[in-house]
Amino acid sequence: MPTTKALLLSSIVLLAASSGCTTTGGVVLRPDGTPGPQECPEESKKAMRYMRLRVGDDAWVSLDTNQLDARRITLYDGPIESMLDEDLGILESTTRLYGQVWTSGPQVVIRWYEAHPPDSEKVPICAVARLSRDQMQKLPESKPGMAILEGSKAAAYIVDAFR
């Protein structure tokens, strides 16, 4: 990692650590079990500004690091570890993204709250998984509490709030 990136990430880590970063607490579920609106914490917005990440910036991501390059993947409600397949701002490919999966609705919802770059500490972010043409839609053989998806990749989009 170039020295400038390392110094910038170190500064962001110190900022996040000193501000007491929060993640998934307080998500209200809709009647269908999908997550309702949620604010992006100010600490995350500040960290994303330092990393020059803007709303709408995106990069390809492997959704589940335990199922890399699988044709079909199975996701369960709860925590998820994903991995950037390409750079996103100053976050290098292979950066891990940590967040939460909800499978109750017709489409899988994934929100990421932290990024863990190689050789650095975790930093707070706000990002969501997106694919066009209903590709985050669960396959019919999915059971309650889990979702089977066609493919293991999606785009991670930077957001300023979860809607």
C-alpha atoms as a PDB file:
ATOM      1  CA  MET A   1       0.000   0.000   0.000  1.00  0.00           C
ATOM      2  CA  PRO A   2       1.473   3.389  -0.920  1.00  0.00           C
ATOM      3  CA  THR A   3       2.550   5.540   2.011  1.00  0.00           C
ATOM      4  CA  THR A   4      -0.132   8.197   1.377  1.00  0.00           C
ATOM      5  CA  LYS A   5      -2.915   5.590   1.487  1.00  0.00           C
ATOM      6  CA  ALA A   6      -1.448   4.051   4.653  1.00  0.00           C
ATOM      7  CA  LEU A   7      -1.298   7.431   6.402  1.00  0.00           C
ATOM      8  CA  LEU A   8      -4.823   8.328   5.312  1.00  0.00           C
ATOM      9  CA  LEU A   9      -6.238   4.992   6.502  1.00  0.00           C
ATOM     10  CA  SER A  10      -4.365   5.321   9.811  1.00  0.00           C
ATOM     11  CA  SER A  11      -5.920   8.751  10.342  1.00  0.00           C
ATOM     12  CA  ILE A  12      -9.389   7.403   9.572  1.00  0.00           C
ATOM     13  CA  VAL A  13      -8.914   4.499  11.997  1.00  0.00           C
ATOM     14  CA  LEU A  14      -7.934   6.903  14.776  1.00  0.00           C
ATOM     15  CA  LEU A  15     -10.920   9.089  14.002  1.00  0.00           C
ATOM     16  CA  ALA A  16     -13.329   6.136  14.074  1.00  0.00           C
ATOM     17  CA  ALA A  17     -11.829   4.699  17.266  1.00  0.00           C
ATOM     18  CA  SER A  18     -12.069   8.020  19.068  1.00  0.00           C
ATOM     19  CA  SER A  19     -15.690   8.572  18.048  1.00  0.00           C
ATOM     20  CA  GLY A  20     -17.063   5.252  19.341  1.00  0.00           C
ATOM     21  CA  CYS A  21     -18.312   3.890  16.012  1.00  0.00           C
ATOM     22  CA  THR A  22     -21.675   2.079  15.955  1.00  0.00           C
ATOM     23  CA  THR A  23     -22.974  -0.545  13.562  1.00  0.00           C
ATOM     24  CA  THR A  24     -26.249  -2.446  13.303  1.00  0.00           C
ATOM     25  CA  GLY A  25     -27.986  -1.469  16.529  1.00  0.00           C
ATOM     26  CA  GLY A  26     -31.556  -0.274  16.292  1.00  0.00           C
ATOM     27  CA  VAL A  27     -32.645  -1.645  12.920  1.00  0.00           C
ATOM     28  CA  VAL A  28     -36.448  -1.729  12.849  1.00  0.00           C
ATOM     29  CA  LEU A  29     -37.938  -4.544  10.794  1.00  0.00           C
ATOM     30  CA  ARG A  30     -40.903  -4.073   8.484  1.00  0.00           C
ATOM     31  CA  PRO A  31     -43.883  -6.484   8.708  1.00  0.00           C
ATOM     32  CA  ASP A  32     -42.335  -8.690   5.965  1.00  0.00           C
ATOM     33  CA  GLY A  33     -39.075  -8.999   7.972  1.00  0.00           C
ATOM     34  CA  THR A  34     -36.980  -6.716   5.795  1.00  0.00           C
ATOM     35  CA  PRO A  35     -35.006  -3.932   7.489  1.00  0.00           C
ATOM     36  CA  GLY A  36     -36.547  -0.487   7.619  1.00  0.00           C
ATOM     37  CA  PRO A  37     -34.789   2.835   7.127  1.00  0.00           C
ATOM     38  CA  GLN A  38     -31.631   3.420   9.120  1.00  0.00           C
ATOM     39  CA  GLU A  39     -29.398   6.467   9.353  1.00  0.00           C
ATOM     40  CA  CYS A  40     -25.750   6.225   8.397  1.00  0.00           C
ATOM     41  CA  PRO A  41     -23.832   7.190  11.566  1.00  0.00           C
ATOM     42  CA  GLU A  42     -21.980  10.491  11.431  1.00  0.00           C
ATOM     43  CA  GLU A  43     -18.694   8.643  12.160  1.00  0.00           C
ATOM     44  CA  SER A  44     -19.209   6.567   9.006  1.00  0.00           C
ATOM     45  CA  LYS A  45     -20.019   9.623   6.900  1.00  0.00           C
ATOM     46  CA  LYS A  46     -16.899  11.362   8.189  1.00  0.00           C
ATOM     47  CA  ALA A  47     -14.703   8.313   7.484  1.00  0.00           C
ATOM     48  CA  MET A  48     -16.155   7.988   3.972  1.00  0.00           C
ATOM     49  CA  ARG A  49     -15.450  11.678   3.283  1.00  0.00           C
ATOM     50  CA  TYR A  50     -11.815  11.171   4.337  1.00  0.00           C
ATOM     51  CA  MET A  51     -11.604   8.142   2.029  1.00  0.00           C
ATOM     52  CA  ARG A  52     -13.169  10.225  -0.773  1.00  0.00           C
ATOM     53  CA  LEU A  53     -16.089   7.812  -1.069  1.00  0.00           C
ATOM     54  CA  ARG A  54     -19.220   9.486  -2.402  1.00  0.00           C
ATOM     55  CA  VAL A  55     -22.815   8.311  -2.484  1.00  0.00           C
ATOM     56  CA  GLY A  56     -23.194   6.122  -5.561  1.00  0.00           C
ATOM     57  CA  ASP A  57     -19.563   4.996  -5.722  1.00  0.00           C
ATOM     58  CA  ASP A  58     -19.513   1.251  -6.274  1.00  0.00           C
ATOM     59  CA  ALA A  59     -17.316  -1.783  -6.790  1.00  0.00           C
ATOM     60  CA  TRP A  60     -17.827  -5.492  -7.438  1.00  0.00           C
ATOM     61  CA  VAL A  61     -17.808  -7.638  -4.337  1.00  0.00           C
ATOM     62  CA  SER A  62     -17.844 -11.345  -3.547  1.00  0.00           C
ATOM     63  CA  LEU A  63     -20.860 -11.591  -1.261  1.00  0.00           C
ATOM     64  CA  ASP A  64     -19.652 -14.359   1.063  1.00  0.00           C
ATOM     65  CA  THR A  65     -15.948 -15.074   1.556  1.00  0.00           C
ATOM     66  CA  ASN A  66     -16.829 -18.672   2.410  1.00  0.00           C
ATOM     67  CA  GLN A  67     -18.444 -19.183  -1.010  1.00  0.00           C
ATOM     68  CA  LEU A  68     -16.114 -17.395  -3.436  1.00  0.00           C
ATOM     69  CA  ASP A  69     -16.935 -17.862  -7.124  1.00  0.00           C
ATOM     70  CA  ALA A  70     -19.774 -20.313  -6.444  1.00  0.00           C
ATOM     71  CA  ARG A  71     -22.499 -20.556  -9.104  1.00  0.00           C
ATOM     72  CA  ARG A  72     -25.187 -20.497  -6.391  1.00  0.00           C
ATOM     73  CA  ILE A  73     -24.729 -19.337  -2.834  1.00  0.00           C
ATOM     74  CA  THR A  74     -26.750 -19.792   0.321  1.00  0.00           C
ATOM     75  CA  LEU A  75     -26.996 -16.833   2.683  1.00  0.00           C
ATOM     76  CA  TYR A  76     -28.455 -16.914   6.193  1.00  0.00           C
ATOM     77  CA  ASP A  77     -29.951 -14.135   8.295  1.00  0.00           C
ATOM     78  CA  GLY A  78     -27.223 -12.511  10.368  1.00  0.00           C
ATOM     79  CA  PRO A  79     -23.642 -11.329   9.997  1.00  0.00           C
ATOM     80  CA  ILE A  80     -21.763 -11.561   6.715  1.00  0.00           C
ATOM     81  CA  GLU A  81     -18.140 -11.154   5.610  1.00  0.00           C
ATOM     82  CA  SER A  82     -17.736 -10.051   1.999  1.00  0.00           C
ATOM     83  CA  MET A  83     -14.676  -9.059  -0.041  1.00  0.00           C
ATOM     84  CA  LEU A  84     -14.050  -6.301  -2.567  1.00  0.00           C
ATOM     85  CA  ASP A  85     -13.082  -7.696  -5.981  1.00  0.00           C
ATOM     86  CA  GLU A  86     -11.844  -4.286  -7.132  1.00  0.00           C
ATOM     87  CA  ASP A  87     -10.724  -1.030  -5.535  1.00  0.00           C
ATOM     88  CA  LEU A  88     -13.363   1.266  -4.047  1.00  0.00           C
ATOM     89  CA  GLY A  89     -11.839   4.688  -3.512  1.00  0.00           C
ATOM     90  CA  ILE A  90      -8.719   4.093  -1.418  1.00  0.00           C
ATOM     91  CA  LEU A  91     -10.049   0.704  -0.260  1.00  0.00           C
ATOM     92  CA  GLU A  92      -8.072  -1.939  -2.135  1.00  0.00           C
ATOM     93  CA  SER A  93      -9.454  -5.104  -3.633  1.00  0.00           C
ATOM     94  CA  THR A  94      -9.400  -7.874  -0.993  1.00  0.00           C
ATOM     95  CA  THR A  95     -10.702  -5.396   1.601  1.00  0.00           C
ATOM     96  CA  ARG A  96     -13.224  -7.256   3.761  1.00  0.00           C
ATOM     97  CA  LEU A  97     -16.688  -5.780   4.269  1.00  0.00           C
ATOM     98  CA  TYR A  98     -18.666  -6.688   7.390  1.00  0.00           C
ATOM     99  CA  GLY A  99     -22.381  -6.304   7.692  1.00  0.00           C
ATOM    100  CA  GLN A 100     -25.767  -7.915   8.056  1.00  0.00           C
ATOM    101  CA  VAL A 101     -28.028 -10.063   5.838  1.00  0.00           C
ATOM    102  CA  TRP A 102     -31.833 -10.179   5.911  1.00  0.00           C
ATOM    103  CA  THR A 103     -33.597 -12.901   3.908  1.00  0.00           C
ATOM    104  CA  SER A 104     -37.264 -12.525   4.925  1.00  0.00           C
ATOM    105  CA  GLY A 105     -38.519 -10.502   1.970  1.00  0.00           C
ATOM    106  CA  PRO A 106     -38.583 -11.485  -1.699  1.00  0.00           C
ATOM    107  CA  GLN A 107     -35.099 -10.012  -2.177  1.00  0.00           C
ATOM    108  CA  VAL A 108     -32.022 -10.463  -0.019  1.00  0.00           C
ATOM    109  CA  VAL A 109     -30.919  -7.256   1.742  1.00  0.00           C
ATOM    110  CA  ILE A 110     -27.260  -6.791   2.661  1.00  0.00           C
ATOM    111  CA  ARG A 111     -25.953  -3.732   4.497  1.00  0.00           C
ATOM    112  CA  TRP A 112     -22.259  -3.284   5.215  1.00  0.00           C
ATOM    113  CA  TYR A 113     -21.166  -1.227   8.216  1.00  0.00           C
ATOM    114  CA  GLU A 114     -17.378  -1.769   8.323  1.00  0.00           C
ATOM    115  CA  ALA A 115     -14.486  -2.171   5.901  1.00  0.00           C
ATOM    116  CA  HIS A 116     -11.257  -3.939   6.895  1.00  0.00           C
ATOM    117  CA  PRO A 117      -8.472  -3.102   4.423  1.00  0.00           C
ATOM    118  CA  PRO A 118      -5.424  -5.372   4.224  1.00  0.00           C
ATOM    119  CA  ASP A 119      -2.715  -4.318   6.682  1.00  0.00           C
ATOM    120  CA  SER A 120      -4.974  -1.793   8.421  1.00  0.00           C
ATOM    121  CA  GLU A 121      -7.730  -1.510  11.014  1.00  0.00           C
ATOM    122  CA  LYS A 122     -11.481  -1.607  10.407  1.00  0.00           C
ATOM    123  CA  VAL A 123     -13.165   1.647   9.352  1.00  0.00           C
ATOM    124  CA  PRO A 124     -16.883   2.490   9.467  1.00  0.00           C
ATOM    125  CA  ILE A 125     -18.791   2.731   6.171  1.00  0.00           C
ATOM    126  CA  CYS A 126     -22.360   2.596   4.888  1.00  0.00           C
ATOM    127  CA  ALA A 127     -22.892   0.438   1.791  1.00  0.00           C
ATOM    128  CA  VAL A 128     -25.538  -1.864   0.332  1.00  0.00           C
ATOM    129  CA  ALA A 129     -25.527  -4.797  -2.097  1.00  0.00           C
ATOM    130  CA  ARG A 130     -27.223  -4.125  -5.425  1.00  0.00           C
ATOM    131  CA  LEU A 131     -27.805  -5.950  -8.689  1.00  0.00           C
ATOM    132  CA  SER A 132     -30.144  -5.024 -11.505  1.00  0.00           C
ATOM    133  CA  ARG A 133     -32.965  -7.167 -12.885  1.00  0.00           C
ATOM    134  CA  ASP A 134     -34.015  -8.684  -9.525  1.00  0.00           C
ATOM    135  CA  GLN A 135     -30.793 -10.670  -9.222  1.00  0.00           C
ATOM    136  CA  MET A 136     -30.866 -10.324  -5.429  1.00  0.00           C
ATOM    137  CA  GLN A 137     -34.191 -12.183  -5.519  1.00  0.00           C
ATOM    138  CA  LYS A 138     -34.272 -15.451  -3.598  1.00  0.00           C
ATOM    139  CA  LEU A 139     -34.680 -18.646  -5.571  1.00  0.00           C
ATOM    140  CA  PRO A 140     -37.936 -20.579  -4.955  1.00  0.00           C
ATOM    141  CA  GLU A 141     -36.176 -23.393  -3.065  1.00  0.00           C
ATOM    142  CA  SER A 142     -35.069 -20.948  -0.330  1.00  0.00           C
ATOM    143  CA  LYS A 143     -36.389 -21.752   3.136  1.00  0.00           C
ATOM    144  CA  PRO A 144     -37.239 -19.387   6.046  1.00  0.00           C
ATOM    145  CA  GLY A 145     -34.132 -17.746   7.530  1.00  0.00           C
ATOM    146  CA  MET A 146     -32.029 -18.376   4.423  1.00  0.00           C
ATOM    147  CA  ALA A 147     -31.826 -17.464   0.775  1.00  0.00           C
ATOM    148  CA  ILE A 148     -30.321 -19.169  -2.233  1.00  0.00           C
ATOM    149  CA  LEU A 149     -29.027 -16.735  -4.856  1.00  0.00           C
ATOM    150  CA  GLU A 150     -27.948 -17.343  -8.421  1.00  0.00           C
ATOM    151  CA  GLY A 151     -24.324 -16.140  -8.405  1.00  0.00           C
ATOM    152  CA  SER A 152     -21.890 -14.984  -5.743  1.00  0.00           C
ATOM    153  CA  LYS A 153     -21.204 -11.384  -6.807  1.00  0.00           C
ATOM    154  CA  ALA A 154     -22.957  -8.044  -6.461  1.00  0.00           C
ATOM    155  CA  ALA A 155     -22.044  -4.380  -6.423  1.00  0.00           C
ATOM    156  CA  ALA A 156     -21.333  -2.625  -3.136  1.00  0.00           C
ATOM    157  CA  TYR A 157     -22.850   0.879  -3.333  1.00  0.00           C
ATOM    158  CA  ILE A 158     -21.895   3.660  -0.942  1.00  0.00           C
ATOM    159  CA  VAL A 159     -24.970   5.265   0.672  1.00  0.00           C
ATOM    160  CA  ASP A 160     -25.610   8.110   3.116  1.00  0.00           C
ATOM    161  CA  ALA A 161     -28.607   6.337   4.676  1.00  0.00           C
ATOM    162  CA  PHE A 162     -30.217   2.929   4.446  1.00  0.00           C
ATOM    163  CA  ARG A 163     -33.729   3.189   2.968  1.00  0.00           C
END
